[in-house]
Amino acid sequence: MRRCWIYYLLLLFLATGAYSCSKDNTQLEPEPTPAPDPMPEPTPSEDAIYNGIVLPEQWPPKRSYSSEIRKGMFPFYLSNKPEVVNISVGRQLFVDNFLIEKTSLQREFHYPEYYSGNPILQADKDWEKMGSKGAAFAAPFSDGIWYDEMDNKYKMWYMAGGGDYSVNNAGVTCYAESTDGINWTKPLLSVVSGTNIVDKGLERDASVVWLDKQEPNSSKRYKMFQVAGGKGNWKYHYKTSADGKQWRDNMTPSQAIADRSTVYKNPFRNVWIWSMRHNVRVNSSDPYTVRARDYAENADPVVGNKNAKADLSAFWFGPWPNEQKHSDYQKNDGAPGIYNLDATPYESLMLGFFSVWQGPENDVCAADNVIKRNQIMVGYSRDGYSWYREDMNPFMAVNSDRKAWNNGNLQSVAGSPVIVGDKLYFYLSGRRLEGTNEITTTGLAILRRDGFASMKGTGELLTGKLVFSGEHFFVNVNVNGSLQVELLDSNGKVIPGFTKSDCKTVKGDAVKQKIEWNGNATLSSLKNKTIKVKFYVTDGEIYSFWISPEATGESLGYTAGGGAGLHSSGIDKK
């Protein structure tokens, strides 16, 4: 039954146009080259999802919190790769070894740079202030930042202190907009006259606003999954909106959950994911709990929300064994832990943003007058469930300067990144202290498009077996010397007309560079056939490659939070 269901989803995915449309420089160990294939051209399994991965029969997988709480996870599809990887969807990023058969290049991870004008949003309205200590809060607590291609605007939903509108000193949800993603205005709206508040009345914690660009019903294009109710009574509350300002509560609250729980959509499989926080006491002799996550998925946001429940029978993952801890607080206090996970579809995979708590506990923070340290790490998933984290350094790090806007408690933002030309904009919240008052603001960090990791140096890289539906070969590269590309058949033999010597040499820095071979205008003769790709690099680095149906290079991948000039479907197509 599961296999039929997956096959149906794949057909649906095709019909809706998705297919049409370490810092350590560790040397990668070459994987053994497979023996020549004596069989006819392999065809993708009907059990496979979009990229060729076949999910296990037990889905979601069953994991034990008692034995795996501090083991993180390792994706099954990296140790048991599909025979053929389908690369028809999206730019293909080298963030893991999924695409690589062997290489003499080295993987290097990269990190966004903080915008010099941070913070880009801060509390300057009465209703953005709260609490007996005079705390101010104007930042997404997940919430959401998206570019709406239908309105040609950047849109932000964020938690504000609440002022007189707060419930039990909890926040309210506000709205801001921008034309450039940097300078934001707070329009006065009618929901709460004379303010930019769009939702209040519940004791809210985290919230996610998802701009569902694949939703056919315009009245439900904006979806909110708000965690509200207060300690001991936290639930998801699912709301929908046509404009992101006037919200309708669907009156389908979840089962019991914990604070700092979130939701995201995995459009590759057309399912919603409930990412639920669960503080786990592994055994009675351990005085501390471990911050971990439970998992639920459903194609229907209403049904899924009603059924969502933080339950150790749905244990997902806890901290990785090599997780970093606060350098000034090394005692055993339960740290490190996974405080939150947000995720976004980007090109051919899911980006995961892990807010990792590194210590100290709240009582120590109060006694020492410091901010708890959460740093934002990044992980990658090709099935939406299994996460790969080779690099354990912060993707977005705290600043040790107590006066810095990002001194502590960094939290990720739903929808991020947005695509701005050749750059990716990542948003986050950061916290600092003024005396004993906590001040939470919104910041921006900027990275090269596809710039999470590169295969770097002088050498070669050979992919495993690939199949594609496009015609035009593109790369994202920075090459000081030279780059040439060669195409091989499934047995590893060079395909005539697509040899290294036929390839026009590439040099320079470009996020979208077309690869051409003399005498072959397109790859149409190789469409739907199994090939391998061999890259020859001299003093350069490769971030990604893809085969587009268009000479203009659209990838048919997902565009995360969107961007100016991109398709309103959330897919990179004409």
Protein backbone atom coordinates (compact mmCIF):
# COMPACT_ATOMS: atom_id res chain seq x y z
CA MET A 1 0.00 0.00 0.00
CA ARG A 2 2.79 2.43 0.88
CA ARG A 3 4.50 1.78 -2.42
CA CYS A 4 1.32 2.50 -4.37
CA TRP A 5 0.84 5.68 -2.37
CA ILE A 6 4.36 6.87 -3.10
CA TYR A 7 3.94 6.06 -6.78
CA TYR A 8 0.69 8.02 -6.87
CA LEU A 9 2.40 11.00 -5.25
CA LEU A 10 5.18 10.81 -7.79
CA LEU A 11 2.69 10.85 -10.66
CA LEU A 12 0.91 13.76 -9.04
CA PHE A 13 4.22 15.56 -8.67
CA LEU A 14 4.91 15.10 -12.38
CA ALA A 15 1.42 16.23 -13.35
CA THR A 16 1.70 19.47 -11.39
CA GLY A 17 4.80 20.50 -13.30
CA ALA A 18 7.61 19.90 -10.88
CA TYR A 19 9.47 17.87 -13.48
CA SER A 20 8.45 20.02 -16.32
CA CYS A 21 8.93 22.87 -15.00
CA SER A 22 34.30 21.07 6.53
CA LYS A 23 36.09 23.53 7.14
CA ASP A 24 38.48 20.67 7.85
CA ASN A 25 39.15 20.01 4.16
CA THR A 26 39.13 16.28 4.81
CA GLN A 27 40.07 14.24 1.78
CA LEU A 28 37.17 12.19 0.53
CA GLU A 29 37.90 8.53 0.24
CA PRO A 30 37.21 7.28 -3.29
CA GLU A 31 34.37 4.84 -3.47
CA PRO A 32 34.98 1.67 -5.50
CA THR A 33 33.96 1.89 -9.12
CA PRO A 34 31.06 -0.48 -9.87
CA ALA A 35 31.58 -3.27 -12.35
CA PRO A 36 30.22 -2.64 -15.84
CA ASP A 37 26.49 -3.20 -16.05
CA PRO A 38 25.74 -6.14 -18.35
CA MET A 39 21.99 -5.49 -18.21
CA PRO A 40 19.94 -3.10 -20.35
CA GLU A 41 19.60 0.52 -19.27
CA PRO A 42 18.12 0.50 -15.74
CA THR A 43 14.85 2.29 -15.22
CA PRO A 44 13.83 4.10 -12.03
CA SER A 45 11.86 1.96 -9.61
CA GLU A 46 8.16 2.74 -9.27
CA ASP A 47 8.76 2.64 -5.54
CA ALA A 48 11.23 5.51 -5.75
CA ILE A 49 10.61 9.11 -4.79
CA TYR A 50 11.62 11.99 -7.06
CA ASN A 51 15.40 11.44 -6.85
CA GLY A 52 15.49 7.65 -7.03
CA ILE A 53 15.57 6.94 -3.31
CA VAL A 54 13.33 4.06 -2.21
CA LEU A 55 11.92 4.64 1.27
CA PRO A 56 11.97 1.80 3.80
CA GLU A 57 8.85 -0.31 4.22
CA GLN A 58 8.47 1.07 7.75
CA TRP A 59 7.71 4.75 7.27
CA PRO A 60 8.31 6.84 9.20
CA PRO A 61 11.14 4.72 10.62
CA LYS A 62 10.88 3.57 14.22
CA ARG A 63 13.67 4.87 16.44
CA SER A 64 14.30 4.36 20.15
CA TYR A 65 14.84 7.43 22.31
CA SER A 66 16.46 5.34 25.03
CA SER A 67 19.26 4.07 22.78
CA GLU A 68 19.47 6.81 20.10
CA ILE A 69 18.78 10.00 22.02
CA ARG A 70 22.37 11.32 21.67
CA LYS A 71 23.29 9.65 18.38
CA GLY A 72 21.75 12.11 15.92
CA MET A 73 21.17 10.25 12.67
CA PHE A 74 22.82 9.21 9.41
CA PRO A 75 20.74 8.96 6.21
CA PHE A 76 20.22 5.41 5.01
CA TYR A 77 20.41 6.57 1.39
CA LEU A 78 24.10 7.52 1.73
CA SER A 79 25.18 4.04 2.76
CA ASN A 80 22.69 2.35 0.42
CA LYS A 81 22.53 4.63 -2.61
CA PRO A 82 20.00 4.17 -5.41
CA GLU A 83 21.42 2.44 -8.48
CA VAL A 84 20.43 5.47 -10.53
CA VAL A 85 19.87 8.98 -9.20
CA ASN A 86 17.26 11.08 -11.00
CA ILE A 87 18.54 14.66 -11.30
CA SER A 88 15.55 16.09 -13.22
CA VAL A 89 14.52 18.22 -10.23
CA GLY A 90 16.71 21.11 -9.15
CA ARG A 91 20.32 22.11 -8.89
CA GLN A 92 22.42 19.24 -7.59
CA LEU A 93 24.44 20.35 -4.55
CA PHE A 94 27.62 18.67 -3.27
CA VAL A 95 26.66 18.86 0.42
CA ASP A 96 27.17 15.09 0.85
CA ASN A 97 28.44 12.11 -1.19
CA PHE A 98 25.05 11.18 -2.64
CA LEU A 99 26.07 12.11 -6.19
CA ILE A 100 29.75 11.14 -5.97
CA GLU A 101 31.30 7.84 -7.02
CA LYS A 102 34.90 8.99 -6.54
CA THR A 103 36.87 12.23 -6.37
CA SER A 104 40.27 13.73 -5.65
CA LEU A 105 38.69 17.09 -4.80
CA GLN A 106 37.93 18.14 -1.22
CA ARG A 107 34.65 19.34 0.23
CA GLU A 108 34.70 22.75 1.88
CA PHE A 109 31.74 24.18 3.77
CA HIS A 110 30.89 27.86 3.63
CA TYR A 111 28.98 30.23 5.89
CA PRO A 112 26.91 33.34 5.28
CA GLU A 113 28.23 36.76 6.27
CA TYR A 114 26.22 38.95 8.59
CA TYR A 115 24.83 42.12 7.03
CA SER A 116 26.74 45.16 8.32
CA GLY A 117 23.53 47.07 9.08
CA ASN A 118 22.06 44.48 11.47
CA PRO A 119 19.63 44.37 13.08
CA ILE A 120 17.20 45.01 10.24
CA LEU A 121 14.11 44.98 12.49
CA GLN A 122 13.77 45.95 16.15
CA ALA A 123 11.10 46.92 18.64
CA ASP A 124 10.17 50.58 18.21
CA LYS A 125 6.41 50.40 18.83
CA ASP A 126 4.60 50.27 22.16
CA TRP A 127 2.93 46.97 21.26
CA GLU A 128 6.35 45.40 20.58
CA LYS A 129 7.31 45.71 24.24
CA MET A 130 6.31 43.40 27.03
CA GLY A 131 7.07 41.94 30.44
CA SER A 132 7.78 43.23 33.90
CA LYS A 133 11.44 43.68 32.98
CA GLY A 134 10.64 45.92 30.06
CA ALA A 135 11.78 43.35 27.49
CA ALA A 136 11.37 44.18 23.83
CA PHE A 137 10.77 41.61 21.11
CA ALA A 138 10.50 42.18 17.33
CA ALA A 139 11.68 39.05 15.57
CA PRO A 140 10.36 35.85 14.01
CA PHE A 141 10.21 32.91 16.40
CA SER A 142 10.18 30.70 13.33
CA ASP A 143 7.12 32.63 12.00
CA GLY A 144 8.11 33.39 8.39
CA ILE A 145 9.85 35.58 5.81
CA TRP A 146 8.88 35.01 2.17
CA TYR A 147 9.00 36.75 -1.16
CA ASP A 148 5.54 36.76 -2.70
CA GLU A 149 5.95 36.80 -6.48
CA MET A 150 2.28 37.62 -6.92
CA ASP A 151 2.62 40.87 -4.97
CA ASN A 152 6.31 41.54 -5.68
CA LYS A 153 7.00 42.04 -1.97
CA TYR A 154 9.10 40.55 0.78
CA LYS A 155 6.77 39.71 3.65
CA MET A 156 7.60 39.05 7.28
CA TRP A 157 5.55 37.66 10.13
CA TYR A 158 7.15 38.05 13.51
CA MET A 159 6.51 37.87 17.23
CA ALA A 160 6.22 41.19 19.00
CA GLY A 161 6.25 41.72 22.73
CA GLY A 162 2.55 42.50 22.76
CA GLY A 163 2.38 45.39 25.18
CA ASP A 164 -1.21 45.89 26.30
CA TYR A 165 -2.37 43.23 23.81
CA SER A 166 -0.34 40.35 25.23
CA VAL A 167 -1.78 37.39 27.15
CA ASN A 168 0.26 36.40 30.21
CA ASN A 169 3.13 38.49 28.85
CA ALA A 170 3.25 36.30 25.74
CA GLY A 171 3.70 37.81 22.32
CA VAL A 172 1.42 38.77 19.45
CA THR A 173 1.97 38.20 15.73
CA CYS A 174 2.84 41.22 13.59
CA TYR A 175 3.39 41.80 9.89
CA ALA A 176 6.06 43.82 8.01
CA GLU A 177 6.95 44.18 4.33
CA SER A 178 9.88 45.25 2.19
CA THR A 179 10.90 45.95 -1.40
CA ASP A 180 14.51 44.83 -0.98
CA GLY A 181 14.55 42.36 1.93
CA ILE A 182 16.64 44.74 4.05
CA ASN A 183 14.54 47.82 4.78
CA TRP A 184 11.20 46.95 6.37
CA THR A 185 8.03 48.91 7.01
CA LYS A 186 5.29 48.13 9.52
CA PRO A 187 1.98 49.02 7.86
CA LEU A 188 -0.94 50.09 10.04
CA LEU A 189 -3.67 47.50 9.55
CA SER A 190 -7.31 47.06 10.53
CA VAL A 191 -7.00 43.81 12.53
CA VAL A 192 -6.01 45.82 15.58
CA SER A 193 -6.61 49.37 14.49
CA GLY A 194 -3.51 51.55 14.32
CA THR A 195 -1.05 48.66 14.64
CA ASN A 196 0.57 46.01 12.43
CA ILE A 197 -0.77 43.20 14.64
CA VAL A 198 -2.40 40.42 12.61
CA ASP A 199 -3.05 37.82 15.35
CA LYS A 200 -3.57 38.00 19.12
CA GLY A 201 -5.72 36.55 21.87
CA LEU A 202 -3.80 33.38 22.67
CA GLU A 203 -0.70 32.86 24.78
CA ARG A 204 1.55 32.12 21.82
CA ASP A 205 5.01 30.63 21.64
CA ALA A 206 6.53 29.63 18.33
CA SER A 207 4.51 30.01 15.16
CA VAL A 208 5.03 29.18 11.49
CA VAL A 209 3.51 31.12 8.61
CA TRP A 210 3.95 29.12 5.40
CA LEU A 211 3.33 30.74 2.03
CA ASP A 212 2.06 27.65 0.23
CA LYS A 213 2.78 28.48 -3.40
CA GLN A 214 1.41 25.13 -4.59
CA GLU A 215 -1.99 25.65 -2.90
CA PRO A 216 -4.76 25.93 -5.56
CA ASN A 217 -7.29 27.49 -3.14
CA SER A 218 -6.34 31.18 -2.88
CA SER A 219 -8.12 31.54 0.48
CA LYS A 220 -5.67 29.03 2.01
CA ARG A 221 -2.49 30.23 0.31
CA TYR A 222 -1.13 31.42 3.64
CA LYS A 223 -1.07 28.82 6.41
CA MET A 224 -0.28 29.44 10.08
CA PHE A 225 0.64 26.74 12.57
CA GLN A 226 0.70 28.54 15.91
CA VAL A 227 1.85 26.97 19.17
CA ALA A 228 -0.34 28.47 21.88
CA GLY A 229 -2.10 27.70 25.15
CA GLY A 230 0.54 28.17 27.83
CA LYS A 231 2.61 25.78 29.92
CA GLY A 232 1.02 22.36 30.19
CA ASN A 233 -1.54 23.19 27.51
CA TRP A 234 0.50 23.81 24.36
CA LYS A 235 -1.20 22.86 21.09
CA TYR A 236 -0.86 23.65 17.41
CA HIS A 237 -3.59 25.96 16.13
CA TYR A 238 -4.01 25.81 12.35
CA LYS A 239 -5.16 29.00 10.61
CA THR A 240 -5.47 30.04 6.95
CA SER A 241 -5.54 33.33 5.10
CA ALA A 242 -5.85 34.75 1.62
CA ASP A 243 -3.60 37.74 2.30
CA GLY A 244 -1.57 36.83 5.40
CA LYS A 245 -3.28 39.55 7.41
CA GLN A 246 -6.85 38.41 8.03
CA TRP A 247 -6.68 34.92 9.53
CA ARG A 248 -9.33 32.21 9.93
CA ASP A 249 -8.94 29.63 12.71
CA ASN A 250 -9.83 26.21 11.33
CA MET A 251 -10.71 25.02 14.86
CA THR A 252 -8.62 21.88 14.54
CA PRO A 253 -6.22 22.06 17.49
CA SER A 254 -3.61 19.37 17.86
CA GLN A 255 -3.06 16.95 20.70
CA ALA A 256 -0.66 17.87 23.51
CA ILE A 257 2.73 19.17 22.38
CA ALA A 258 5.57 21.22 23.90
CA ASP A 259 6.66 24.77 23.24
CA ARG A 260 9.10 25.56 20.39
CA SER A 261 7.42 23.11 18.04
CA THR A 262 7.17 23.95 14.35
CA VAL A 263 5.79 22.76 11.00
CA TYR A 264 7.17 22.72 7.48
CA LYS A 265 6.16 21.38 4.09
CA ASN A 266 8.11 18.78 2.12
CA PRO A 267 6.82 19.44 -1.43
CA PHE A 268 8.98 16.71 -2.94
CA ARG A 269 6.63 14.17 -1.33
CA ASN A 270 3.69 16.56 -0.86
CA VAL A 271 3.52 16.09 2.92
CA TRP A 272 3.48 18.41 5.92
CA ILE A 273 5.93 17.70 8.74
CA TRP A 274 5.21 18.42 12.41
CA SER A 275 8.56 18.99 14.13
CA MET A 276 7.76 18.62 17.82
CA ARG A 277 10.01 19.45 20.72
CA HIS A 278 10.22 16.82 23.45
CA ASN A 279 12.38 17.10 26.57
CA VAL A 280 13.36 13.50 27.22
CA ARG A 281 14.50 12.03 30.54
CA VAL A 282 16.36 8.95 29.40
CA ASN A 283 16.42 7.29 32.80
CA SER A 284 15.38 8.09 36.36
CA SER A 285 18.96 8.45 37.60
CA ASP A 286 19.65 11.29 35.13
CA PRO A 287 18.62 14.61 36.75
CA TYR A 288 18.50 16.39 33.38
CA THR A 289 16.35 16.09 30.32
CA VAL A 290 17.62 16.11 26.74
CA ARG A 291 16.03 18.46 24.21
CA ALA A 292 14.95 16.29 21.28
CA ARG A 293 12.33 16.10 18.48
CA ASP A 294 9.31 13.95 17.62
CA TYR A 295 8.00 13.53 14.06
CA ALA A 296 4.65 13.33 12.31
CA GLU A 297 3.68 13.74 8.65
CA ASN A 298 0.45 14.02 6.70
CA ALA A 299 -0.54 15.20 3.23
CA ASP A 300 -3.58 16.98 4.72
CA PRO A 301 -2.67 19.91 7.01
CA VAL A 302 -6.05 19.70 8.81
CA VAL A 303 -5.90 15.97 9.55
CA GLY A 304 -2.22 16.14 10.35
CA ASN A 305 -2.69 19.01 12.76
CA LYS A 306 -5.54 17.29 14.61
CA ASN A 307 -3.43 14.16 15.04
CA ALA A 308 -0.10 15.80 15.92
CA LYS A 309 1.09 14.77 19.38
CA ALA A 310 4.47 14.90 21.08
CA ASP A 311 4.94 11.22 21.77
CA LEU A 312 8.14 9.26 22.31
CA SER A 313 6.70 6.52 20.12
CA ALA A 314 7.32 9.05 17.32
CA PHE A 315 10.88 9.86 18.48
CA TRP A 316 12.89 11.43 15.67
CA PHE A 317 16.31 12.57 16.83
CA GLY A 318 18.27 14.24 19.59
CA PRO A 319 21.68 15.90 19.56
CA TRP A 320 24.53 14.49 17.49
CA PRO A 321 27.39 12.92 19.52
CA ASN A 322 29.87 15.59 18.35
CA GLU A 323 27.52 18.52 19.04
CA GLN A 324 29.29 21.63 20.34
CA LYS A 325 28.78 22.88 23.91
CA HIS A 326 29.15 26.32 25.48
CA SER A 327 32.86 26.80 26.19
CA ASP A 328 32.16 28.57 29.52
CA TYR A 329 29.59 26.05 30.80
CA GLN A 330 30.90 22.52 30.51
CA LYS A 331 29.14 20.80 33.42
CA ASN A 332 26.54 18.14 32.79
CA ASP A 333 23.32 20.13 32.66
CA GLY A 334 21.62 18.37 29.75
CA ALA A 335 23.39 20.36 27.06
CA PRO A 336 23.79 20.18 24.18
CA GLY A 337 20.27 19.69 22.84
CA ILE A 338 18.13 20.31 19.77
CA TYR A 339 16.07 23.35 20.65
CA ASN A 340 14.33 23.60 17.29
CA LEU A 341 14.33 22.47 13.66
CA ASP A 342 12.93 24.51 10.76
CA ALA A 343 13.26 23.25 7.20
CA THR A 344 12.84 24.69 3.71
CA PRO A 345 12.80 23.09 0.24
CA TYR A 346 15.70 24.41 -1.81
CA GLU A 347 16.46 23.15 -5.32
CA SER A 348 16.80 19.33 -5.05
CA LEU A 349 16.79 18.88 -1.27
CA MET A 350 15.51 20.07 2.10
CA LEU A 351 17.60 22.52 4.10
CA GLY A 352 17.36 21.99 7.86
CA PHE A 353 18.14 24.78 10.31
CA PHE A 354 18.92 23.37 13.74
CA SER A 355 18.84 25.71 16.70
CA VAL A 356 21.27 23.87 18.95
CA TRP A 357 21.18 24.73 22.65
CA GLN A 358 24.72 24.69 24.04
CA GLY A 359 24.00 25.83 27.62
CA PRO A 360 23.59 27.05 30.27
CA GLU A 361 20.19 26.24 31.74
CA ASN A 362 17.65 28.99 32.45
CA ASP A 363 18.36 29.18 36.20
CA VAL A 364 22.08 29.61 35.55
CA CYS A 365 21.36 32.27 32.93
CA ALA A 366 19.32 34.20 35.49
CA ALA A 367 21.97 33.85 38.23
CA ASP A 368 24.87 34.84 35.95
CA ASN A 369 22.87 37.38 33.90
CA VAL A 370 23.76 35.78 30.56
CA ILE A 371 21.79 34.73 27.48
CA LYS A 372 21.33 31.03 26.80
CA ARG A 373 23.45 30.01 23.81
CA ASN A 374 21.53 28.69 20.83
CA GLN A 375 23.48 28.65 17.57
CA ILE A 376 22.03 27.84 14.15
CA MET A 377 23.48 24.81 12.40
CA VAL A 378 22.54 23.52 8.96
CA GLY A 379 21.74 20.01 7.75
CA TYR A 380 20.58 18.44 4.51
CA SER A 381 17.93 15.86 3.67
CA ARG A 382 16.98 14.12 0.44
CA ASP A 383 13.90 12.37 1.89
CA GLY A 384 12.67 15.05 4.33
CA TYR A 385 13.20 12.84 7.37
CA SER A 386 16.86 11.78 7.47
CA TRP A 387 19.36 14.57 8.17
CA TYR A 388 23.03 14.73 7.23
CA ARG A 389 25.33 17.01 9.23
CA GLU A 390 28.97 16.52 8.30
CA ASP A 391 29.95 20.02 9.38
CA MET A 392 29.21 20.72 13.05
CA ASN A 393 30.31 24.34 13.05
CA PRO A 394 27.67 27.05 13.40
CA PHE A 395 26.10 28.11 10.13
CA MET A 396 25.07 31.34 11.86
CA ALA A 397 27.01 31.99 15.06
CA VAL A 398 26.59 34.07 18.19
CA ASN A 399 28.77 37.10 18.86
CA SER A 400 30.62 36.98 22.20
CA ASP A 401 30.26 40.77 22.57
CA ARG A 402 27.48 41.26 25.14
CA LYS A 403 26.37 44.41 23.33
CA ALA A 404 25.95 42.64 19.97
CA TRP A 405 22.41 42.08 18.68
CA ASN A 406 23.25 38.37 18.26
CA ASN A 407 24.97 37.75 21.60
CA GLY A 408 22.79 34.71 22.28
CA ASN A 409 19.68 32.66 21.67
CA LEU A 410 19.73 32.61 17.86
CA GLN A 411 16.58 31.22 16.26
CA SER A 412 15.87 30.31 12.64
CA VAL A 413 13.06 31.68 10.47
CA ALA A 414 10.54 29.71 8.37
CA GLY A 415 10.81 30.31 4.60
CA SER A 416 14.45 31.35 4.76
CA PRO A 417 16.41 31.72 2.58
CA VAL A 418 14.99 34.01 -0.06
CA ILE A 419 16.82 34.30 -3.37
CA VAL A 420 18.10 37.76 -4.27
CA GLY A 421 19.89 37.60 -7.61
CA ASP A 422 23.07 35.61 -7.10
CA LYS A 423 22.70 35.65 -3.30
CA LEU A 424 20.73 33.86 -0.60
CA TYR A 425 19.29 35.92 2.26
CA PHE A 426 19.01 34.10 5.59
CA TYR A 427 17.04 35.67 8.42
CA LEU A 428 17.33 34.93 12.11
CA SER A 429 16.48 36.34 15.52
CA GLY A 430 19.15 37.26 18.06
CA ARG A 431 19.06 38.34 21.68
CA ARG A 432 21.16 40.59 23.92
CA LEU A 433 20.94 42.06 27.41
CA GLU A 434 20.56 45.68 28.42
CA GLY A 435 21.13 45.40 32.14
CA THR A 436 18.70 42.59 32.95
CA ASN A 437 16.35 43.36 30.05
CA GLU A 438 16.30 40.95 27.10
CA ILE A 439 16.19 42.63 23.69
CA THR A 440 15.30 40.42 20.72
CA THR A 441 15.75 41.69 17.16
CA THR A 442 15.92 40.40 13.57
CA GLY A 443 19.12 40.01 11.58
CA LEU A 444 20.26 39.07 8.09
CA ALA A 445 23.10 36.90 6.78
CA ILE A 446 24.08 36.57 3.09
CA LEU A 447 25.55 33.64 1.15
CA ARG A 448 26.36 32.87 -2.47
CA ARG A 449 23.55 31.00 -4.25
CA ASP A 450 24.07 27.25 -3.76
CA GLY A 451 27.04 28.26 -1.61
CA PHE A 452 26.66 25.78 1.25
CA ALA A 453 29.55 23.57 0.15
CA SER A 454 31.95 23.24 -2.76
CA MET A 455 34.18 20.51 -4.15
CA LYS A 456 37.50 22.32 -4.34
CA GLY A 457 41.07 21.98 -5.61
CA THR A 458 42.77 20.49 -8.62
CA GLY A 459 41.59 17.05 -9.63
CA GLU A 460 38.61 15.06 -10.85
CA LEU A 461 35.13 14.18 -9.69
CA LEU A 462 33.09 11.31 -11.10
CA THR A 463 29.39 11.00 -10.33
CA GLY A 464 27.43 7.81 -9.97
CA LYS A 465 24.77 6.80 -12.48
CA LEU A 466 22.35 9.60 -13.31
CA VAL A 467 19.22 10.05 -15.38
CA PHE A 468 17.68 13.36 -16.45
CA SER A 469 14.93 14.91 -18.56
CA GLY A 470 16.59 18.21 -19.56
CA GLU A 471 18.84 19.28 -22.43
CA HIS A 472 21.20 22.03 -21.25
CA PHE A 473 24.08 21.48 -18.80
CA PHE A 474 24.83 24.19 -16.22
CA VAL A 475 27.28 24.59 -13.34
CA ASN A 476 27.79 26.97 -10.43
CA VAL A 477 31.56 27.39 -10.18
CA ASN A 478 34.48 29.60 -9.23
CA VAL A 479 37.46 28.58 -11.36
CA ASN A 480 40.87 30.27 -11.42
CA GLY A 481 42.39 27.67 -13.72
CA SER A 482 40.03 25.62 -15.88
CA LEU A 483 36.97 23.37 -15.82
CA GLN A 484 35.96 20.77 -18.38
CA VAL A 485 33.13 18.25 -18.26
CA GLU A 486 32.91 14.80 -19.82
CA LEU A 487 29.89 12.54 -20.14
CA LEU A 488 30.12 8.75 -19.83
CA ASP A 489 27.65 5.93 -20.41
CA SER A 490 26.47 3.64 -17.63
CA ASN A 491 29.50 1.36 -18.19
CA GLY A 492 31.92 4.23 -17.74
CA LYS A 493 32.81 4.65 -21.40
CA VAL A 494 33.17 8.20 -22.73
CA ILE A 495 30.27 9.16 -25.00
CA PRO A 496 31.45 10.38 -28.41
CA GLY A 497 30.88 14.10 -28.83
CA PHE A 498 30.89 14.70 -25.09
CA THR A 499 34.57 14.12 -24.35
CA LYS A 500 36.86 16.35 -22.32
CA SER A 501 38.50 17.58 -25.50
CA ASP A 502 35.08 18.41 -27.01
CA CYS A 503 34.12 20.52 -23.99
CA LYS A 504 34.62 24.26 -24.17
CA THR A 505 36.89 25.25 -21.27
CA VAL A 506 35.26 27.25 -18.47
CA LYS A 507 37.07 29.81 -16.31
CA GLY A 508 35.77 32.45 -13.91
CA ASP A 509 33.14 32.91 -11.21
CA ALA A 510 29.48 32.33 -12.11
CA VAL A 511 26.43 30.96 -10.31
CA LYS A 512 24.92 29.88 -13.66
CA GLN A 513 27.46 28.90 -16.32
CA LYS A 514 26.44 26.85 -19.35
CA ILE A 515 28.64 23.92 -20.37
CA GLU A 516 28.94 23.32 -24.10
CA TRP A 517 30.52 20.65 -26.26
CA ASN A 518 31.69 21.30 -29.83
CA GLY A 519 29.17 19.81 -32.25
CA ASN A 520 26.48 19.22 -29.62
CA ALA A 521 24.11 22.08 -29.00
CA THR A 522 22.06 20.12 -26.47
CA LEU A 523 21.93 16.85 -24.55
CA SER A 524 18.65 15.82 -26.17
CA SER A 525 20.17 12.57 -27.49
CA LEU A 526 20.98 11.52 -23.92
CA LYS A 527 17.65 12.43 -22.34
CA ASN A 528 16.24 9.64 -20.13
CA LYS A 529 19.41 7.57 -20.62
CA THR A 530 21.74 6.58 -17.82
CA ILE A 531 24.99 8.51 -17.78
CA LYS A 532 27.83 9.53 -15.50
CA VAL A 533 29.44 12.96 -15.34
CA LYS A 534 33.17 13.56 -14.93
CA PHE A 535 34.48 16.98 -13.92
CA TYR A 536 38.10 18.00 -14.54
CA VAL A 537 39.09 20.94 -12.30
CA THR A 538 42.25 23.00 -12.13
CA ASP A 539 42.39 25.41 -9.18
CA GLY A 540 38.66 25.83 -8.77
CA GLU A 541 35.56 24.79 -6.95
CA ILE A 542 32.17 23.43 -7.99
CA TYR A 543 29.07 24.27 -5.96
CA SER A 544 26.39 22.59 -8.06
CA PHE A 545 25.37 21.35 -11.48
CA TRP A 546 22.06 20.68 -13.22
CA ILE A 547 20.55 19.84 -16.59
CA SER A 548 17.82 22.26 -17.56
CA PRO A 549 15.03 21.91 -20.14
CA GLU A 550 15.70 25.55 -21.07
CA ALA A 551 18.68 27.28 -22.59
CA THR A 552 18.12 29.99 -19.96
CA GLY A 553 18.96 27.50 -17.20
CA GLU A 554 15.85 27.12 -15.04
CA SER A 555 16.44 24.13 -12.76
CA LEU A 556 12.86 22.94 -11.99
CA GLY A 557 13.92 22.89 -8.34
CA TYR A 558 12.26 24.60 -5.41
CA THR A 559 13.09 28.21 -4.71
CA ALA A 560 12.81 28.17 -0.88
CA GLY A 561 11.37 31.51 0.24
CA GLY A 562 11.18 32.78 -3.34
CA GLY A 563 12.61 35.87 -4.95
CA ALA A 564 12.10 38.64 -7.47
CA GLY A 565 11.79 37.38 -11.03
CA LEU A 566 11.14 33.78 -10.00
CA HIS A 567 8.01 31.78 -10.75
CA SER A 568 5.06 32.20 -8.38
CA SER A 569 4.71 28.40 -8.09
CA GLY A 570 7.84 28.24 -5.93
CA ILE A 571 9.53 26.20 -8.67
CA ASP A 572 12.36 27.51 -10.83
CA LYS A 573 10.73 27.38 -14.25
CA LYS A 574 9.73 29.74 -17.05
